[in-house]
């Protein structure tokens, strides 16, 4: 696909995940920084994302929001980057991509806010308990390598970002394998390019 990618982001947001993915696929893109406040809630930007949040991308006629969806979309739109397994081998890839977007995101956020479901609530929230999610993730990463097999994929971009932030800000437990996994990912040139671009776009003094 040759259409221009427009990347709507803020360097102090989950847009850093999408930026990393854009750098991994090595497709040219134009960045529009959306400031928090009036600009992010303006009619023009709400026409792009009615939730009034970043990131989002526009690629030709395709408008994509939500970081996990952006990662999956870009992996499919630019198959030469090799960031999605063949269709008949995507079971683990989809499993862990959506595990990160669902149970991990919910469990970490709820735990940080002081809500740990008890009793029947554990069935209602879908992830059970924060400890169950951490145990599951620790077991999945115990063998080293990447989350969906021997090769790095878009699922690692999304999951790795979640773990990296969780360890940095103390919202996720330090478990065996977590730090080693993050170190493998953040050593990638695309991650480092993306971090440099976002850091350079930070407001002065940040």
N, C-alpha and C. Protein backbone atom coordinates (compact mmCIF):
# COMPACT_ATOMS: atom_id res chain seq x y z
N UNK A 1 0.85 -1.19 0.00
CA UNK A 1 0.00 0.00 0.00
C UNK A 1 0.89 1.24 0.00
N UNK A 2 0.55 2.20 -0.87
CA UNK A 2 1.42 3.35 -1.05
C UNK A 2 0.84 4.64 -0.46
N UNK A 3 -0.39 4.61 0.06
CA UNK A 3 -0.98 5.81 0.60
C UNK A 3 -0.20 6.33 1.80
N UNK A 4 -0.24 7.63 1.99
CA UNK A 4 0.45 8.24 3.12
C UNK A 4 -0.18 7.80 4.44
N UNK A 5 0.67 7.60 5.43
CA UNK A 5 0.20 7.36 6.79
C UNK A 5 0.29 8.66 7.56
N UNK A 6 -0.82 9.06 8.17
CA UNK A 6 -0.81 10.20 9.08
C UNK A 6 -0.95 9.64 10.49
N UNK A 7 -0.03 10.04 11.35
CA UNK A 7 0.07 9.51 12.70
C UNK A 7 -0.29 10.62 13.68
N UNK A 8 -1.40 10.42 14.40
CA UNK A 8 -1.87 11.39 15.39
C UNK A 8 -1.43 10.90 16.76
N UNK A 9 -0.70 11.74 17.48
CA UNK A 9 -0.10 11.26 18.71
C UNK A 9 0.21 12.41 19.66
N UNK A 10 0.67 12.04 20.83
CA UNK A 10 1.26 12.96 21.79
C UNK A 10 2.40 12.17 22.43
N UNK A 11 3.59 12.78 22.57
CA UNK A 11 4.73 12.01 23.10
C UNK A 11 4.56 11.56 24.54
N UNK A 12 3.55 12.07 25.23
CA UNK A 12 3.28 11.65 26.60
C UNK A 12 2.02 10.79 26.63
N UNK A 13 2.00 9.79 25.77
CA UNK A 13 0.80 8.96 25.65
C UNK A 13 1.17 7.57 25.15
N UNK A 14 0.14 6.74 24.99
CA UNK A 14 0.32 5.43 24.39
C UNK A 14 0.72 5.53 22.91
N UNK A 15 0.71 6.73 22.38
CA UNK A 15 1.20 6.93 21.03
C UNK A 15 2.61 6.42 20.84
N UNK A 16 3.36 6.31 21.91
CA UNK A 16 4.72 5.77 21.81
C UNK A 16 4.70 4.32 21.32
N UNK A 17 3.66 3.58 21.65
CA UNK A 17 3.55 2.21 21.15
C UNK A 17 3.39 2.22 19.63
N UNK A 18 2.47 3.05 19.15
CA UNK A 18 2.23 3.13 17.71
C UNK A 18 3.45 3.64 16.97
N UNK A 19 4.16 4.61 17.56
CA UNK A 19 5.38 5.12 16.92
C UNK A 19 6.40 3.99 16.76
N UNK A 20 6.57 3.20 17.79
CA UNK A 20 7.52 2.08 17.70
C UNK A 20 7.11 1.14 16.57
N UNK A 21 5.81 0.83 16.48
CA UNK A 21 5.35 -0.06 15.43
C UNK A 21 5.58 0.55 14.05
N UNK A 22 5.35 1.83 13.90
CA UNK A 22 5.61 2.50 12.62
C UNK A 22 7.07 2.41 12.24
N UNK A 23 7.94 2.56 13.22
CA UNK A 23 9.37 2.45 12.93
C UNK A 23 9.76 1.02 12.58
N UNK A 24 9.10 0.05 13.17
CA UNK A 24 9.39 -1.35 12.85
C UNK A 24 9.02 -1.68 11.40
N UNK A 25 7.88 -1.18 10.93
CA UNK A 25 7.48 -1.50 9.55
C UNK A 25 8.23 -0.64 8.53
N UNK A 26 8.88 0.42 9.01
CA UNK A 26 9.72 1.27 8.16
C UNK A 26 8.95 1.90 7.00
N UNK A 27 7.69 2.24 7.25
CA UNK A 27 6.90 2.93 6.25
C UNK A 27 6.95 4.43 6.52
N UNK A 28 7.02 5.25 5.48
CA UNK A 28 7.02 6.70 5.71
C UNK A 28 5.69 7.16 6.31
N UNK A 29 5.76 8.10 7.22
CA UNK A 29 4.55 8.61 7.85
C UNK A 29 4.75 10.06 8.25
N UNK A 30 3.64 10.76 8.37
CA UNK A 30 3.65 12.16 8.80
C UNK A 30 3.03 12.24 10.18
N UNK A 31 3.68 12.93 11.09
CA UNK A 31 3.23 13.01 12.47
C UNK A 31 2.47 14.31 12.72
N UNK A 32 1.31 14.18 13.35
CA UNK A 32 0.58 15.34 13.84
C UNK A 32 0.45 15.20 15.36
N UNK A 33 1.12 16.09 16.09
CA UNK A 33 1.05 16.06 17.55
C UNK A 33 -0.24 16.73 18.00
N UNK A 34 -1.03 16.01 18.79
CA UNK A 34 -2.30 16.50 19.29
C UNK A 34 -2.13 16.84 20.77
N UNK A 35 -2.29 18.11 21.09
CA UNK A 35 -2.10 18.53 22.47
C UNK A 35 -3.29 18.10 23.32
N UNK A 36 -3.02 17.81 24.59
CA UNK A 36 -4.09 17.49 25.53
C UNK A 36 -4.95 18.74 25.76
N UNK A 37 -6.21 18.49 26.07
CA UNK A 37 -7.10 19.61 26.32
C UNK A 37 -7.99 19.90 25.13
N UNK A 38 -8.11 21.18 24.80
CA UNK A 38 -9.06 21.61 23.77
C UNK A 38 -8.78 20.98 22.41
N UNK A 39 -7.50 20.84 22.04
CA UNK A 39 -7.18 20.30 20.72
C UNK A 39 -7.61 18.84 20.60
N UNK A 40 -7.38 18.06 21.65
CA UNK A 40 -7.72 16.64 21.60
C UNK A 40 -9.24 16.41 21.65
N UNK A 41 -9.96 17.39 22.17
CA UNK A 41 -11.42 17.27 22.26
C UNK A 41 -12.12 18.14 21.21
N UNK A 42 -11.36 18.67 20.26
CA UNK A 42 -11.94 19.53 19.24
C UNK A 42 -12.78 18.73 18.26
N UNK A 43 -13.75 19.37 17.59
CA UNK A 43 -14.55 18.66 16.58
C UNK A 43 -13.70 18.02 15.50
N UNK A 44 -12.63 18.68 15.08
CA UNK A 44 -11.78 18.12 14.03
C UNK A 44 -11.15 16.81 14.47
N UNK A 45 -10.64 16.77 15.71
CA UNK A 45 -10.00 15.53 16.14
C UNK A 45 -11.03 14.48 16.55
N UNK A 46 -12.16 14.91 17.09
CA UNK A 46 -13.20 13.93 17.43
C UNK A 46 -13.75 13.23 16.20
N UNK A 47 -13.61 13.86 15.03
CA UNK A 47 -14.01 13.20 13.79
C UNK A 47 -13.05 12.07 13.45
N UNK A 48 -11.84 12.12 13.98
CA UNK A 48 -10.85 11.06 13.79
C UNK A 48 -11.01 10.00 14.86
N UNK A 49 -11.10 10.42 16.11
CA UNK A 49 -11.33 9.49 17.21
C UNK A 49 -12.37 10.07 18.15
N UNK A 50 -13.59 9.58 18.10
CA UNK A 50 -14.65 10.12 18.96
C UNK A 50 -14.37 10.01 20.45
N UNK A 51 -13.41 9.18 20.82
CA UNK A 51 -13.02 9.08 22.22
C UNK A 51 -12.17 10.26 22.66
N UNK A 52 -11.66 11.03 21.70
CA UNK A 52 -10.84 12.18 22.04
C UNK A 52 -9.53 11.80 22.69
N UNK A 53 -8.89 10.75 22.15
CA UNK A 53 -7.61 10.32 22.70
C UNK A 53 -6.69 9.88 21.56
N UNK A 54 -5.43 9.78 21.87
CA UNK A 54 -4.44 9.32 20.90
C UNK A 54 -3.87 8.00 21.39
N UNK A 55 -3.29 7.22 20.45
CA UNK A 55 -2.98 7.53 19.06
C UNK A 55 -4.11 7.13 18.11
N UNK A 56 -3.90 7.57 16.87
CA UNK A 56 -4.72 7.12 15.74
C UNK A 56 -3.85 7.22 14.50
N UNK A 57 -4.19 6.44 13.50
CA UNK A 57 -3.51 6.58 12.21
C UNK A 57 -4.55 6.62 11.11
N UNK A 58 -4.22 7.38 10.06
CA UNK A 58 -5.01 7.36 8.84
C UNK A 58 -4.10 6.86 7.72
N UNK A 59 -4.55 5.83 7.03
CA UNK A 59 -3.76 5.23 5.96
C UNK A 59 -4.69 5.07 4.77
N UNK A 60 -4.61 6.00 3.83
CA UNK A 60 -5.57 5.99 2.74
C UNK A 60 -6.96 6.19 3.29
N UNK A 61 -7.87 5.26 2.99
CA UNK A 61 -9.24 5.33 3.50
C UNK A 61 -9.41 4.68 4.86
N UNK A 62 -8.34 4.11 5.39
CA UNK A 62 -8.43 3.39 6.66
C UNK A 62 -8.06 4.30 7.82
N UNK A 63 -8.95 4.37 8.80
CA UNK A 63 -8.71 5.12 10.02
C UNK A 63 -8.70 4.12 11.17
N UNK A 64 -7.60 4.05 11.90
CA UNK A 64 -7.44 3.03 12.93
C UNK A 64 -7.09 3.70 14.26
N UNK A 65 -7.82 3.34 15.30
CA UNK A 65 -7.51 3.76 16.67
C UNK A 65 -7.24 2.51 17.50
N UNK A 66 -6.82 2.71 18.73
CA UNK A 66 -6.49 1.65 19.70
C UNK A 66 -5.15 1.02 19.33
N UNK A 67 -4.25 1.04 20.29
CA UNK A 67 -2.86 0.63 20.02
C UNK A 67 -2.74 -0.79 19.50
N UNK A 68 -3.45 -1.72 20.10
CA UNK A 68 -3.35 -3.10 19.64
C UNK A 68 -3.84 -3.23 18.21
N UNK A 69 -4.92 -2.52 17.88
CA UNK A 69 -5.44 -2.56 16.52
C UNK A 69 -4.46 -1.93 15.53
N UNK A 70 -3.82 -0.83 15.94
CA UNK A 70 -2.83 -0.18 15.08
C UNK A 70 -1.66 -1.13 14.81
N UNK A 71 -1.20 -1.81 15.86
CA UNK A 71 -0.09 -2.76 15.68
C UNK A 71 -0.48 -3.87 14.72
N UNK A 72 -1.66 -4.46 14.91
CA UNK A 72 -2.10 -5.55 14.05
C UNK A 72 -2.31 -5.06 12.62
N UNK A 73 -2.90 -3.89 12.48
CA UNK A 73 -3.15 -3.35 11.14
C UNK A 73 -1.85 -3.13 10.37
N UNK A 74 -0.89 -2.49 11.02
CA UNK A 74 0.37 -2.19 10.33
C UNK A 74 1.13 -3.47 9.97
N UNK A 75 1.06 -4.47 10.84
CA UNK A 75 1.71 -5.75 10.52
C UNK A 75 1.12 -6.35 9.25
N UNK A 76 -0.19 -6.23 9.09
CA UNK A 76 -0.85 -6.77 7.89
C UNK A 76 -0.64 -5.88 6.67
N UNK A 77 -0.66 -4.57 6.88
CA UNK A 77 -0.53 -3.64 5.76
C UNK A 77 0.87 -3.66 5.15
N UNK A 78 1.87 -4.03 5.96
CA UNK A 78 3.26 -4.05 5.50
C UNK A 78 3.87 -5.42 5.79
N UNK A 79 3.44 -6.44 5.06
CA UNK A 79 3.86 -7.82 5.35
C UNK A 79 5.35 -8.05 5.17
N UNK A 80 6.01 -7.23 4.37
CA UNK A 80 7.45 -7.43 4.16
C UNK A 80 8.25 -7.22 5.45
N UNK A 81 7.66 -6.52 6.41
CA UNK A 81 8.36 -6.32 7.69
C UNK A 81 8.40 -7.60 8.51
N UNK A 82 7.56 -8.57 8.18
CA UNK A 82 7.58 -9.86 8.88
C UNK A 82 7.14 -9.80 10.32
N UNK A 83 6.18 -8.93 10.64
CA UNK A 83 5.77 -8.74 12.02
C UNK A 83 4.47 -9.45 12.39
N UNK A 84 3.97 -10.28 11.48
CA UNK A 84 2.83 -11.15 11.78
C UNK A 84 3.14 -12.53 11.22
N UNK A 85 2.87 -13.58 11.97
CA UNK A 85 3.12 -14.93 11.46
C UNK A 85 2.22 -15.24 10.27
N UNK A 86 2.52 -16.29 9.52
CA UNK A 86 1.60 -16.73 8.47
C UNK A 86 0.21 -16.99 9.05
N UNK A 87 -0.81 -16.86 8.23
CA UNK A 87 -2.19 -16.98 8.72
C UNK A 87 -2.45 -18.28 9.47
N UNK A 88 -1.83 -19.37 9.03
CA UNK A 88 -2.10 -20.66 9.68
C UNK A 88 -1.29 -20.86 10.96
N UNK A 89 -0.52 -19.84 11.35
CA UNK A 89 0.29 -19.96 12.57
C UNK A 89 0.09 -18.76 13.49
N UNK A 90 -1.11 -18.19 13.45
CA UNK A 90 -1.35 -16.97 14.22
C UNK A 90 -2.06 -17.19 15.55
N UNK A 91 -2.22 -18.42 15.95
CA UNK A 91 -2.94 -18.67 17.20
C UNK A 91 -2.32 -17.96 18.39
N UNK A 92 -1.03 -18.20 18.64
CA UNK A 92 -0.36 -17.57 19.78
C UNK A 92 -0.26 -16.06 19.61
N UNK A 93 -0.05 -15.64 18.39
CA UNK A 93 0.07 -14.21 18.09
C UNK A 93 -1.21 -13.48 18.50
N UNK A 94 -2.36 -13.96 18.04
CA UNK A 94 -3.61 -13.32 18.41
C UNK A 94 -3.89 -13.47 19.90
N UNK A 95 -3.59 -14.65 20.42
CA UNK A 95 -3.86 -14.90 21.83
C UNK A 95 -3.17 -13.86 22.71
N UNK A 96 -1.88 -13.65 22.52
CA UNK A 96 -1.14 -12.78 23.42
C UNK A 96 -1.34 -11.30 23.10
N UNK A 97 -1.59 -10.97 21.85
CA UNK A 97 -1.90 -9.59 21.51
C UNK A 97 -3.17 -9.14 22.23
N UNK A 98 -4.20 -9.99 22.20
CA UNK A 98 -5.45 -9.62 22.84
C UNK A 98 -5.43 -9.87 24.35
N UNK A 99 -4.59 -10.75 24.82
CA UNK A 99 -4.39 -10.90 26.26
C UNK A 99 -3.81 -9.61 26.83
N UNK A 100 -2.88 -9.02 26.10
CA UNK A 100 -2.28 -7.75 26.56
C UNK A 100 -3.30 -6.62 26.52
N UNK A 101 -4.11 -6.59 25.46
CA UNK A 101 -5.09 -5.50 25.31
C UNK A 101 -6.27 -5.66 26.26
N UNK A 102 -6.55 -6.89 26.70
CA UNK A 102 -7.70 -7.12 27.56
C UNK A 102 -7.32 -7.35 29.01
N UNK A 103 -7.03 -8.60 29.39
CA UNK A 103 -6.75 -8.90 30.79
C UNK A 103 -5.61 -8.09 31.41
N UNK A 104 -4.49 -7.93 30.70
CA UNK A 104 -3.38 -7.20 31.31
C UNK A 104 -3.76 -5.74 31.54
N UNK A 105 -4.28 -5.09 30.50
CA UNK A 105 -4.65 -3.68 30.63
C UNK A 105 -5.65 -3.48 31.77
N UNK A 106 -6.68 -4.31 31.82
CA UNK A 106 -7.71 -4.16 32.86
C UNK A 106 -7.17 -4.47 34.25
N UNK A 107 -6.45 -5.59 34.37
CA UNK A 107 -5.97 -6.00 35.69
C UNK A 107 -4.99 -4.98 36.27
N UNK A 108 -4.07 -4.51 35.44
CA UNK A 108 -3.07 -3.55 35.92
C UNK A 108 -3.73 -2.24 36.32
N UNK A 109 -4.66 -1.76 35.50
CA UNK A 109 -5.33 -0.50 35.81
C UNK A 109 -6.16 -0.63 37.08
N UNK A 110 -6.94 -1.69 37.19
CA UNK A 110 -7.76 -1.87 38.39
C UNK A 110 -6.90 -1.98 39.65
N UNK A 111 -5.83 -2.76 39.56
CA UNK A 111 -4.95 -2.95 40.72
C UNK A 111 -4.32 -1.63 41.15
N UNK A 112 -3.88 -0.85 40.18
CA UNK A 112 -3.26 0.44 40.49
C UNK A 112 -4.27 1.38 41.15
N UNK A 113 -5.52 1.31 40.73
CA UNK A 113 -6.56 2.18 41.29
C UNK A 113 -7.13 1.65 42.60
N UNK A 114 -6.61 0.50 43.04
CA UNK A 114 -7.04 -0.03 44.33
C UNK A 114 -8.24 -0.94 44.28
N UNK A 115 -8.64 -1.36 43.08
CA UNK A 115 -9.77 -2.27 42.97
C UNK A 115 -9.27 -3.65 42.61
N UNK A 116 -9.34 -4.56 43.57
CA UNK A 116 -8.98 -5.95 43.34
C UNK A 116 -10.24 -6.79 43.58
N UNK A 117 -10.82 -7.33 42.52
CA UNK A 117 -12.10 -8.02 42.65
C UNK A 117 -12.04 -9.21 43.59
N UNK A 118 -13.11 -9.43 44.29
CA UNK A 118 -13.20 -10.54 45.23
C UNK A 118 -14.43 -11.38 44.92
N UNK A 119 -14.36 -12.65 45.24
CA UNK A 119 -15.51 -13.53 45.11
C UNK A 119 -16.09 -13.55 43.71
N UNK A 120 -17.39 -13.30 43.60
CA UNK A 120 -18.07 -13.35 42.32
C UNK A 120 -17.59 -12.27 41.36
N UNK A 121 -17.02 -11.20 41.88
CA UNK A 121 -16.49 -10.14 41.02
C UNK A 121 -15.40 -10.66 40.10
N UNK A 122 -14.67 -11.66 40.57
CA UNK A 122 -13.55 -12.18 39.77
C UNK A 122 -14.04 -12.81 38.48
N UNK A 123 -15.22 -13.39 38.47
CA UNK A 123 -15.78 -13.94 37.25
C UNK A 123 -16.31 -12.84 36.35
N UNK A 124 -16.79 -11.76 36.95
CA UNK A 124 -17.39 -10.68 36.16
C UNK A 124 -16.36 -9.86 35.40
N UNK A 125 -15.17 -9.66 35.98
CA UNK A 125 -14.19 -8.79 35.32
C UNK A 125 -13.49 -9.46 34.16
N UNK A 126 -13.54 -10.78 34.08
CA UNK A 126 -12.97 -11.46 32.92
C UNK A 126 -11.53 -11.90 33.07
N UNK A 127 -10.77 -11.27 33.96
CA UNK A 127 -9.37 -11.65 34.14
C UNK A 127 -9.13 -12.38 35.45
N UNK A 128 -10.13 -12.48 36.28
CA UNK A 128 -9.97 -13.17 37.55
C UNK A 128 -9.33 -12.29 38.59
N UNK A 129 -8.01 -12.40 38.73
CA UNK A 129 -7.27 -11.58 39.68
C UNK A 129 -5.99 -11.05 39.05
N UNK A 130 -5.49 -10.01 39.64
CA UNK A 130 -4.21 -9.44 39.20
C UNK A 130 -3.11 -10.49 39.28
N UNK A 131 -3.11 -11.28 40.37
CA UNK A 131 -2.08 -12.31 40.54
C UNK A 131 -2.16 -13.36 39.45
N UNK A 132 -3.37 -13.74 39.06
CA UNK A 132 -3.53 -14.73 37.99
C UNK A 132 -2.94 -14.22 36.68
N UNK A 133 -3.19 -12.96 36.38
CA UNK A 133 -2.65 -12.37 35.16
C UNK A 133 -1.13 -12.35 35.20
N UNK A 134 -0.55 -11.93 36.32
CA UNK A 134 0.91 -11.89 36.44
C UNK A 134 1.51 -13.29 36.35
N UNK A 135 0.87 -14.26 36.98
CA UNK A 135 1.35 -15.65 36.92
C UNK A 135 1.33 -16.17 35.48
N UNK A 136 0.24 -15.88 34.77
CA UNK A 136 0.11 -16.33 33.39
C UNK A 136 1.17 -15.71 32.51
N UNK A 137 1.41 -14.44 32.69
CA UNK A 137 2.41 -13.75 31.88
C UNK A 137 3.82 -14.24 32.21
N UNK A 138 4.11 -14.44 33.48
CA UNK A 138 5.42 -14.95 33.88
C UNK A 138 5.69 -16.31 33.25
N UNK A 139 4.70 -17.19 33.26
CA UNK A 139 4.85 -18.52 32.67
C UNK A 139 5.08 -18.43 31.17
N UNK A 140 4.36 -17.52 30.51
CA UNK A 140 4.48 -17.39 29.05
C UNK A 140 5.86 -16.91 28.63
N UNK A 141 6.50 -16.12 29.48
CA UNK A 141 7.81 -15.56 29.14
C UNK A 141 8.97 -16.37 29.71
N UNK A 142 8.67 -17.46 30.39
CA UNK A 142 9.70 -18.21 31.10
C UNK A 142 10.76 -18.80 30.16
N UNK A 143 10.39 -19.11 28.93
CA UNK A 143 11.33 -19.75 28.03
C UNK A 143 12.25 -18.82 27.28
N UNK A 144 12.12 -17.50 27.52
CA UNK A 144 12.91 -16.54 26.76
C UNK A 144 12.31 -16.37 25.37
N UNK A 145 13.04 -15.70 24.51
CA UNK A 145 12.55 -15.50 23.15
C UNK A 145 11.44 -14.47 23.11
N UNK A 146 10.44 -14.73 22.28
CA UNK A 146 9.36 -13.77 22.07
C UNK A 146 8.03 -14.41 22.44
N UNK A 147 6.98 -13.58 22.55
CA UNK A 147 5.74 -14.06 23.13
C UNK A 147 5.00 -15.04 22.22
N UNK A 148 5.13 -14.90 20.91
CA UNK A 148 4.38 -15.78 20.00
C UNK A 148 5.25 -16.83 19.33
N UNK A 149 6.48 -17.02 19.84
CA UNK A 149 7.35 -18.01 19.24
C UNK A 149 8.77 -17.51 19.12
N UNK A 150 9.48 -18.02 18.15
CA UNK A 150 10.90 -17.70 18.01
C UNK A 150 11.15 -16.34 17.38
N UNK A 151 10.14 -15.77 16.72
CA UNK A 151 10.32 -14.51 15.99
C UNK A 151 9.61 -13.35 16.67
N UNK A 152 10.19 -12.18 16.55
CA UNK A 152 9.60 -10.94 17.04
C UNK A 152 8.39 -10.59 16.18
N UNK A 153 7.28 -10.19 16.81
CA UNK A 153 6.07 -9.82 16.08
C UNK A 153 5.45 -8.55 16.66
N UNK A 154 4.39 -8.10 16.02
CA UNK A 154 3.65 -6.95 16.52
C UNK A 154 3.13 -7.18 17.93
N UNK A 155 2.86 -8.44 18.29
CA UNK A 155 2.40 -8.74 19.65
C UNK A 155 3.46 -8.35 20.68
N UNK A 156 4.72 -8.47 20.31
CA UNK A 156 5.79 -8.07 21.23
C UNK A 156 5.86 -6.56 21.38
N UNK A 157 5.56 -5.82 20.32
CA UNK A 157 5.53 -4.37 20.43
C UNK A 157 4.51 -3.94 21.48
N UNK A 158 3.32 -4.51 21.37
CA UNK A 158 2.26 -4.10 22.29
C UNK A 158 2.48 -4.63 23.70
N UNK A 159 2.74 -5.92 23.82
CA UNK A 159 2.95 -6.51 25.14
C UNK A 159 4.21 -5.95 25.79
N UNK A 160 5.28 -5.84 25.02
CA UNK A 160 6.53 -5.31 25.57
C UNK A 160 6.37 -3.90 26.10
N UNK A 161 5.58 -3.09 25.41
CA UNK A 161 5.33 -1.72 25.88
C UNK A 161 4.58 -1.74 27.20
N UNK A 162 3.59 -2.63 27.31
CA UNK A 162 2.83 -2.73 28.56
C UNK A 162 3.74 -3.11 29.73
N UNK A 163 4.59 -4.10 29.51
CA UNK A 163 5.47 -4.54 30.60
C UNK A 163 6.51 -3.47 30.91
N UNK A 164 7.07 -2.86 29.89
CA UNK A 164 8.08 -1.83 30.10
C UNK A 164 7.53 -0.69 30.95
N UNK A 165 6.36 -0.20 30.61
CA UNK A 165 5.76 0.87 31.40
C UNK A 165 5.40 0.38 32.80
N UNK A 166 4.89 -0.83 32.88
CA UNK A 166 4.52 -1.35 34.19
C UNK A 166 5.70 -1.44 35.14
N UNK A 167 6.86 -1.85 34.62
CA UNK A 167 8.05 -1.94 35.46
C UNK A 167 8.59 -0.55 35.80
N UNK A 168 8.53 0.36 34.84
CA UNK A 168 9.05 1.72 35.08
C UNK A 168 8.24 2.46 36.14
N UNK A 169 6.92 2.32 36.08
CA UNK A 169 6.05 3.11 36.95
C UNK A 169 5.51 2.32 38.13
N UNK A 170 5.96 1.07 38.29
CA UNK A 170 5.59 0.30 39.46
C UNK A 170 4.16 -0.20 39.47
N UNK A 171 3.52 -0.25 38.29
CA UNK A 171 2.15 -0.76 38.22
C UNK A 171 2.10 -2.25 37.95
N UNK A 172 3.24 -2.84 37.65
CA UNK A 172 3.33 -4.26 37.37
C UNK A 172 4.43 -4.86 38.24
N UNK A 173 4.19 -6.04 38.75
CA UNK A 173 5.18 -6.69 39.60
C UNK A 173 6.44 -7.05 38.82
N UNK A 174 7.57 -6.98 39.52
CA UNK A 174 8.82 -7.47 38.93
C UNK A 174 8.84 -8.99 39.08
N UNK A 175 8.76 -9.67 37.97
CA UNK A 175 8.73 -11.13 37.96
C UNK A 175 9.90 -11.65 37.13
N UNK A 176 10.34 -12.90 37.38
CA UNK A 176 11.40 -13.49 36.56
C UNK A 176 11.05 -13.44 35.08
N UNK A 177 11.97 -12.98 34.29
CA UNK A 177 11.77 -12.95 32.85
C UNK A 177 11.25 -11.63 32.32
N UNK A 178 10.57 -10.84 33.15
CA UNK A 178 10.00 -9.59 32.66
C UNK A 178 11.08 -8.61 32.18
N UNK A 179 12.05 -8.35 33.05
CA UNK A 179 13.09 -7.38 32.72
C UNK A 179 13.94 -7.85 31.54
N UNK A 180 14.24 -9.14 31.48
CA UNK A 180 15.03 -9.67 30.36
C UNK A 180 14.27 -9.53 29.04
N UNK A 181 12.99 -9.77 29.08
CA UNK A 181 12.15 -9.63 27.88
C UNK A 181 12.16 -8.18 27.40
N UNK A 182 11.96 -7.26 28.32
CA UNK A 182 11.96 -5.84 27.96
C UNK A 182 13.32 -5.43 27.40
N UNK A 183 14.39 -5.91 27.99
CA UNK A 183 15.73 -5.55 27.53
C UNK A 183 15.96 -6.00 26.09
N UNK A 184 15.46 -7.20 25.74
CA UNK A 184 15.61 -7.68 24.36
C UNK A 184 14.87 -6.78 23.38
N UNK A 185 13.71 -6.31 23.80
CA UNK A 185 12.90 -5.50 22.90
C UNK A 185 13.42 -4.08 22.76
N UNK A 186 13.81 -3.48 23.87
CA UNK A 186 14.24 -2.08 23.82
C UNK A 186 15.63 -1.93 23.22
N UNK A 187 16.29 -3.04 22.97
CA UNK A 187 17.58 -3.00 22.27
C UNK A 187 17.40 -2.92 20.75
N UNK A 188 16.18 -3.04 20.28
CA UNK A 188 15.92 -3.01 18.85
C UNK A 188 16.10 -1.59 18.31
N UNK A 189 16.73 -1.45 17.14
CA UNK A 189 16.94 -0.11 16.57
C UNK A 189 15.64 0.65 16.37
N UNK A 190 14.57 -0.02 15.96
CA UNK A 190 13.30 0.67 15.73
C UNK A 190 12.75 1.26 17.03
N UNK A 191 12.88 0.51 18.13
CA UNK A 191 12.43 1.04 19.42
C UNK A 191 13.23 2.28 19.77
N UNK A 192 14.53 2.22 19.59
CA UNK A 192 15.39 3.34 19.97
C UNK A 192 15.13 4.57 19.09
N UNK A 193 14.88 4.36 17.79
CA UNK A 193 14.53 5.49 16.93
C UNK A 193 13.23 6.13 17.38
N UNK A 194 12.24 5.29 17.67
CA UNK A 194 10.95 5.80 18.09
C UNK A 194 11.06 6.60 19.40
N UNK A 195 11.83 6.07 20.35
CA UNK A 195 12.00 6.76 21.63
C UNK A 195 12.69 8.11 21.43
N UNK A 196 13.67 8.15 20.56
CA UNK A 196 14.36 9.42 20.29
C UNK A 196 13.42 10.45 19.68
N UNK A 197 12.58 10.01 18.74
CA UNK A 197 11.63 10.92 18.10
C UNK A 197 10.61 11.46 19.11
N UNK A 198 10.10 10.57 19.95
CA UNK A 198 9.12 11.02 20.94
C UNK A 198 9.75 11.90 22.01
N UNK A 199 10.94 11.54 22.43
CA UNK A 199 11.62 12.37 23.43
C UNK A 199 11.89 13.78 22.88
N UNK A 200 12.25 13.85 21.60
CA UNK A 200 12.52 15.15 20.99
C UNK A 200 11.26 16.00 20.87
N UNK A 201 10.09 15.35 20.84
CA UNK A 201 8.82 16.07 20.71
C UNK A 201 8.22 16.46 22.05
N UNK A 202 8.86 16.09 23.16
CA UNK A 202 8.34 16.44 24.46
C UNK A 202 8.40 17.95 24.67
N UNK A 203 7.46 18.50 25.44
CA UNK A 203 7.52 19.92 25.76
C UNK A 203 8.83 20.26 26.50
N UNK A 204 9.30 21.44 26.32
CA UNK A 204 10.55 21.87 26.98
C UNK A 204 10.43 21.69 28.48
N UNK A 205 11.48 21.10 29.06
CA UNK A 205 11.51 20.89 30.50
C UNK A 205 10.97 19.57 30.95
N UNK A 206 10.36 18.78 30.03
CA UNK A 206 9.82 17.48 30.41
C UNK A 206 10.91 16.41 30.37
